[in-house]
Amino acid sequence: MATGKNIEQRSHITGFQEEIQSASVASHDKFMTWFDEARDADAAYIRGAWDFSYHMALPLNGLLKSPEDCTALEIGHGGGRILAAASRHFRAVIGVDIHERNDLVAAEHAARGITNSVLYRGTGSNLPVGDASVDVVYSFIVLQHVEKFAIFRDYVCEAARVLKPGGFAVLYFARWQWLSHLSRSYLLAAVDRFLESLRLREGYLEKPTVVNDINLIVSLGMAKTVVREAGFAIERSMISRRRVPDHGDRFGAQHGLVLRRLGS
């Protein structure tokens, strides 16, 4: 992913908007690859298909009965790479992001034959859709970039608001990863989770950093408390994966939770 050179002095929203705008002016591929480290737009969308399959579709397997009848919403769609994969899986998809270049994302989707995606610009803590209007909400490599724990909590509450009762959310957020990042060891992952509970006394850590680096780490225990307070039941927990050339899949930098919206 593209990162800045200096500790961010702007708000996280302003920093992201200005950096993304600069990338969009530089070139089409610069914009499309700003959100990850892909070689070009095609590579970014191929990676998006893998990320969607592994991090969203697989965790929902056996829980979501008829995805072809569902509407899904992505928090932080970026260049639309994961949303494109979701569009092949769900009846309709909605993307929400803070940047100002949804025109480029819409054009890219149209060029790829995607006709069931709708894009909105959000404020950085809200989802501009109606109550109980979607079946699935997901977010990947986004909640780690919000600069305040309060914003994380807001997004969890917003996910609960827009989901229909019985709907599902798949949310990823940054974890403590001192020993287990890019490792295959479940033992090291367990040690990091234990260290996380010791290091994050308040349950989270807000980090001043460069734009598009990790701003917020939330302990798994704190996240479980937040989602339960928002009206979710926890179905599954997991750790994200990264594909490392010549080494296969390794643990990534995020916790993940599969959640079911309570209510009737």
Protein backbone atom coordinates (compact mmCIF):
# COMPACT_ATOMS: atom_id res chain seq x y z
CA MET A 1 0.00 0.00 0.00
CA ALA A 2 1.10 3.59 -0.49
CA THR A 3 2.19 5.30 2.71
CA GLY A 4 3.25 8.83 3.51
CA LYS A 5 6.74 9.84 4.63
CA ASN A 6 5.94 11.89 7.73
CA ILE A 7 3.81 11.42 10.82
CA GLU A 8 0.32 12.49 9.83
CA GLN A 9 -0.64 15.93 11.12
CA ARG A 10 -3.93 16.14 9.24
CA SER A 11 -7.02 14.25 10.34
CA HIS A 12 -7.05 10.71 9.00
CA ILE A 13 -9.90 11.66 6.67
CA THR A 14 -8.13 14.69 5.22
CA GLY A 15 -4.84 12.81 4.89
CA PHE A 16 -6.42 9.95 3.00
CA GLN A 17 -8.49 12.20 0.76
CA GLU A 18 -5.51 14.33 -0.25
CA GLU A 19 -3.16 11.39 -0.84
CA ILE A 20 -5.75 9.46 -2.86
CA GLN A 21 -6.57 12.55 -4.92
CA SER A 22 -2.87 13.00 -5.71
CA ALA A 23 -2.61 9.35 -6.81
CA SER A 24 -5.66 9.72 -9.05
CA VAL A 25 -4.12 12.73 -10.79
CA ALA A 26 -0.82 10.89 -11.33
CA SER A 27 -2.28 7.98 -13.31
CA HIS A 28 -5.08 5.44 -13.46
CA ASP A 29 -2.88 2.59 -12.23
CA LYS A 30 -1.43 4.79 -9.48
CA PHE A 31 -4.93 5.32 -8.11
CA MET A 32 -6.03 1.70 -8.51
CA THR A 33 -2.92 0.35 -6.78
CA TRP A 34 -2.68 3.00 -4.04
CA PHE A 35 -4.77 0.84 -1.73
CA ASP A 36 -2.47 -2.19 -1.91
CA GLU A 37 0.90 -3.07 -3.41
CA ALA A 38 -0.28 -4.53 -6.70
CA ARG A 39 1.65 -4.07 -9.93
CA ASP A 40 -1.28 -2.56 -11.85
CA ALA A 41 -5.07 -2.39 -11.85
CA ASP A 42 -5.50 -5.93 -13.18
CA ALA A 43 -3.22 -7.33 -10.49
CA ALA A 44 -5.10 -5.34 -7.83
CA TYR A 45 -8.42 -6.82 -8.93
CA ILE A 46 -6.97 -10.35 -9.00
CA ARG A 47 -5.74 -9.85 -5.44
CA GLY A 48 -9.15 -8.48 -4.54
CA ALA A 49 -10.78 -11.68 -5.76
CA TRP A 50 -8.46 -13.76 -3.57
CA ASP A 51 -9.03 -11.52 -0.54
CA PHE A 52 -12.79 -11.67 -0.95
CA SER A 53 -12.83 -15.45 -1.39
CA TYR A 54 -10.57 -16.14 1.58
CA HIS A 55 -11.54 -13.40 4.01
CA MET A 56 -15.26 -12.94 3.36
CA ALA A 57 -16.82 -15.79 1.37
CA LEU A 58 -15.03 -18.59 3.20
CA PRO A 59 -15.82 -17.35 6.76
CA LEU A 60 -19.48 -16.96 5.75
CA ASN A 61 -19.63 -20.46 4.29
CA GLY A 62 -22.39 -22.45 5.97
CA LEU A 63 -23.89 -19.32 7.54
CA LEU A 64 -25.18 -17.31 4.59
CA LYS A 65 -27.68 -19.52 2.80
CA SER A 66 -28.50 -17.61 -0.41
CA PRO A 67 -25.87 -14.98 -1.29
CA GLU A 68 -27.41 -14.62 -4.74
CA ASP A 69 -30.43 -13.00 -3.06
CA CYS A 70 -28.40 -10.71 -0.77
CA THR A 71 -27.20 -7.12 -0.81
CA ALA A 72 -23.73 -6.57 0.66
CA LEU A 73 -22.05 -3.35 1.79
CA GLU A 74 -18.30 -2.77 1.95
CA ILE A 75 -16.86 -0.24 4.39
CA GLY A 76 -13.90 1.37 2.62
CA HIS A 77 -14.06 0.04 -0.95
CA GLY A 78 -10.98 1.99 -2.09
CA GLY A 79 -10.36 1.25 -5.76
CA GLY A 80 -13.19 -1.29 -5.86
CA ARG A 81 -11.05 -4.43 -6.12
CA ILE A 82 -12.81 -6.47 -3.41
CA LEU A 83 -16.21 -4.99 -4.25
CA ALA A 84 -15.77 -6.28 -7.81
CA ALA A 85 -15.36 -9.83 -6.51
CA ALA A 86 -18.32 -9.38 -4.17
CA SER A 87 -20.46 -8.26 -7.12
CA ARG A 88 -20.07 -11.76 -8.62
CA HIS A 89 -21.20 -13.34 -5.35
CA PHE A 90 -24.15 -11.18 -4.26
CA ARG A 91 -27.24 -9.84 -6.01
CA ALA A 92 -26.14 -6.25 -5.36
CA VAL A 93 -23.19 -4.55 -3.67
CA ILE A 94 -22.74 -1.12 -2.09
CA GLY A 95 -19.38 0.54 -1.54
CA VAL A 96 -18.77 3.37 0.93
CA ASP A 97 -15.50 5.32 1.10
CA ILE A 98 -14.27 8.75 2.13
CA HIS A 99 -12.35 9.55 -1.06
CA GLU A 100 -13.67 11.73 -3.87
CA ARG A 101 -12.92 9.50 -6.88
CA ASN A 102 -15.87 7.15 -7.06
CA ASP A 103 -16.11 8.20 -10.69
CA LEU A 104 -12.90 6.28 -11.40
CA VAL A 105 -14.10 3.23 -9.50
CA ALA A 106 -17.46 3.26 -11.28
CA ALA A 107 -15.73 3.51 -14.67
CA GLU A 108 -13.43 0.61 -13.78
CA HIS A 109 -16.39 -1.53 -12.74
CA ALA A 110 -18.26 -0.67 -15.93
CA ALA A 111 -15.22 -1.61 -18.02
CA ARG A 112 -15.17 -4.98 -16.25
CA GLY A 113 -18.86 -5.61 -16.93
CA ILE A 114 -20.03 -4.99 -13.36
CA THR A 115 -23.55 -3.55 -13.33
CA ASN A 116 -24.75 -4.28 -9.78
CA SER A 117 -22.47 -2.00 -7.71
CA VAL A 118 -23.46 1.34 -6.18
CA LEU A 119 -20.90 3.70 -4.65
CA TYR A 120 -21.34 6.31 -1.93
CA ARG A 121 -19.03 8.78 -0.25
CA GLY A 122 -19.10 8.52 3.54
CA THR A 123 -18.02 10.93 6.27
CA GLY A 124 -15.50 8.60 7.90
CA SER A 125 -17.76 7.20 10.61
CA ASN A 126 -21.20 6.67 9.07
CA LEU A 127 -22.83 4.47 6.43
CA PRO A 128 -25.20 6.48 4.20
CA VAL A 129 -27.88 3.78 3.77
CA GLY A 130 -31.13 3.07 5.56
CA ASP A 131 -31.79 1.05 8.69
CA ALA A 132 -32.03 -2.74 8.22
CA SER A 133 -31.42 -2.37 4.47
CA VAL A 134 -28.58 -4.83 3.74
CA ASP A 135 -27.87 -8.50 4.38
CA VAL A 136 -24.07 -8.42 4.74
CA VAL A 137 -21.54 -5.80 5.84
CA TYR A 138 -17.81 -6.39 5.51
CA SER A 139 -14.58 -4.45 5.89
CA PHE A 140 -10.98 -5.47 5.22
CA ILE A 141 -7.76 -3.45 5.77
CA VAL A 142 -9.82 -0.36 6.66
CA LEU A 143 -10.66 -0.22 10.37
CA GLN A 144 -6.94 -0.40 11.16
CA HIS A 145 -6.60 3.03 9.56
CA VAL A 146 -9.14 4.98 11.62
CA GLU A 147 -7.28 7.15 14.09
CA LYS A 148 -9.65 6.91 17.07
CA PHE A 149 -11.20 3.99 18.90
CA ALA A 150 -14.46 5.96 19.01
CA ILE A 151 -14.63 5.79 15.21
CA PHE A 152 -14.13 2.02 15.32
CA ARG A 153 -17.03 1.80 17.74
CA ASP A 154 -19.15 4.07 15.51
CA TYR A 155 -18.58 1.82 12.50
CA VAL A 156 -19.55 -1.28 14.49
CA CYS A 157 -22.77 0.43 15.57
CA GLU A 158 -23.43 1.60 12.02
CA ALA A 159 -22.93 -1.95 10.73
CA ALA A 160 -25.52 -3.15 13.24
CA ARG A 161 -27.92 -0.36 12.24
CA VAL A 162 -27.88 -1.04 8.50
CA LEU A 163 -28.03 -4.84 8.78
CA LYS A 164 -31.30 -6.69 8.70
CA PRO A 165 -31.94 -8.86 11.77
CA GLY A 166 -30.13 -12.12 11.18
CA GLY A 167 -27.73 -10.46 8.74
CA PHE A 168 -23.97 -10.96 8.94
CA ALA A 169 -20.93 -8.72 9.32
CA VAL A 170 -17.32 -9.71 8.64
CA LEU A 171 -15.04 -7.10 10.18
CA TYR A 172 -11.24 -7.06 10.28
CA PHE A 173 -9.14 -4.77 12.50
CA ALA A 174 -5.47 -4.51 13.44
CA ARG A 175 -4.04 -6.94 16.02
CA TRP A 176 -0.89 -7.08 18.13
CA GLN A 177 1.52 -8.97 15.83
CA TRP A 178 5.00 -8.71 17.28
CA LEU A 179 5.88 -12.41 16.88
CA SER A 180 3.37 -13.95 14.49
CA HIS A 181 3.16 -11.54 11.54
CA LEU A 182 3.95 -13.47 8.33
CA SER A 183 4.33 -16.64 10.39
CA ARG A 184 2.47 -19.95 10.13
CA SER A 185 2.80 -20.68 13.84
CA TYR A 186 -0.47 -20.89 15.79
CA LEU A 187 1.62 -20.93 18.95
CA LEU A 188 3.18 -17.55 18.11
CA ALA A 189 -0.29 -16.21 17.26
CA ALA A 190 -1.52 -17.34 20.68
CA VAL A 191 1.47 -15.70 22.37
CA ASP A 192 0.76 -12.44 20.52
CA ARG A 193 -2.85 -12.56 21.62
CA PHE A 194 -1.72 -13.00 25.23
CA LEU A 195 0.76 -10.12 24.87
CA GLU A 196 -2.02 -8.05 23.33
CA SER A 197 -4.11 -8.45 26.47
CA LEU A 198 -1.15 -7.26 28.56
CA ARG A 199 0.08 -4.43 26.34
CA LEU A 200 -3.28 -2.92 25.46
CA ARG A 201 -4.43 -2.08 28.97
CA GLU A 202 -7.35 -0.01 27.69
CA GLY A 203 -8.17 -2.60 25.04
CA TYR A 204 -6.82 -0.53 22.16
CA LEU A 205 -3.88 1.59 21.02
CA GLU A 206 -4.20 4.77 18.97
CA LYS A 207 -0.94 5.31 17.05
CA PRO A 208 0.25 8.56 15.46
CA THR A 209 1.75 7.42 12.16
CA VAL A 210 2.03 8.14 8.45
CA VAL A 211 -1.08 8.08 6.29
CA ASN A 212 -2.17 4.55 5.30
CA ASP A 213 -0.17 2.86 8.03
CA ILE A 214 -1.80 1.19 11.03
CA ASN A 215 -3.41 3.87 13.20
CA LEU A 216 -5.48 1.74 15.54
CA ILE A 217 -4.93 -1.64 17.20
CA VAL A 218 -7.89 -3.17 19.03
CA SER A 219 -7.58 -6.23 21.25
CA LEU A 220 -9.76 -9.18 20.38
CA GLY A 221 -11.31 -9.04 23.83
CA MET A 222 -12.24 -5.36 23.51
CA ALA A 223 -13.63 -5.89 20.01
CA LYS A 224 -15.83 -8.72 21.26
CA THR A 225 -17.18 -6.44 23.98
CA VAL A 226 -17.95 -3.67 21.48
CA VAL A 227 -19.75 -5.90 18.99
CA ARG A 228 -21.87 -7.55 21.68
CA GLU A 229 -22.89 -4.14 23.03
CA ALA A 230 -23.90 -3.15 19.48
CA GLY A 231 -26.28 -6.11 19.19
CA PHE A 232 -24.19 -8.80 17.54
CA ALA A 233 -23.63 -12.46 18.32
CA ILE A 234 -20.12 -13.72 17.48
CA GLU A 235 -20.10 -16.66 15.07
CA ARG A 236 -16.38 -17.01 14.31
CA SER A 237 -13.02 -15.35 14.87
CA MET A 238 -9.93 -15.62 12.68
CA ILE A 239 -6.66 -13.99 11.69
CA SER A 240 -6.17 -12.49 8.25
CA ARG A 241 -3.77 -14.11 5.79
CA ARG A 242 -1.21 -12.73 3.38
CA ARG A 243 0.11 -14.44 0.31
CA VAL A 244 3.92 -14.39 0.38
CA PRO A 245 5.63 -15.24 -2.93
CA ASP A 246 7.32 -18.66 -2.79
CA HIS A 247 6.20 -19.15 0.82
CA GLY A 248 2.42 -19.57 0.59
CA ASP A 249 -0.10 -18.11 3.00
CA ARG A 250 1.04 -16.56 6.28
CA PHE A 251 -0.69 -14.78 9.15
CA GLY A 252 -1.53 -11.16 8.39
CA ALA A 253 -1.92 -8.11 10.60
CA GLN A 254 -5.63 -8.29 11.39
CA HIS A 255 -8.08 -10.02 13.66
CA GLY A 256 -11.38 -10.90 12.00
CA LEU A 257 -14.84 -11.49 13.44
CA VAL A 258 -17.90 -13.01 11.79
CA LEU A 259 -20.98 -11.51 13.44
CA ARG A 260 -24.72 -12.13 13.29
CA ARG A 261 -27.14 -9.26 13.90
CA LEU A 262 -29.53 -10.13 16.69
CA GLY A 263 -33.20 -9.17 16.63
CA SER A 264 -36.32 -10.13 14.79
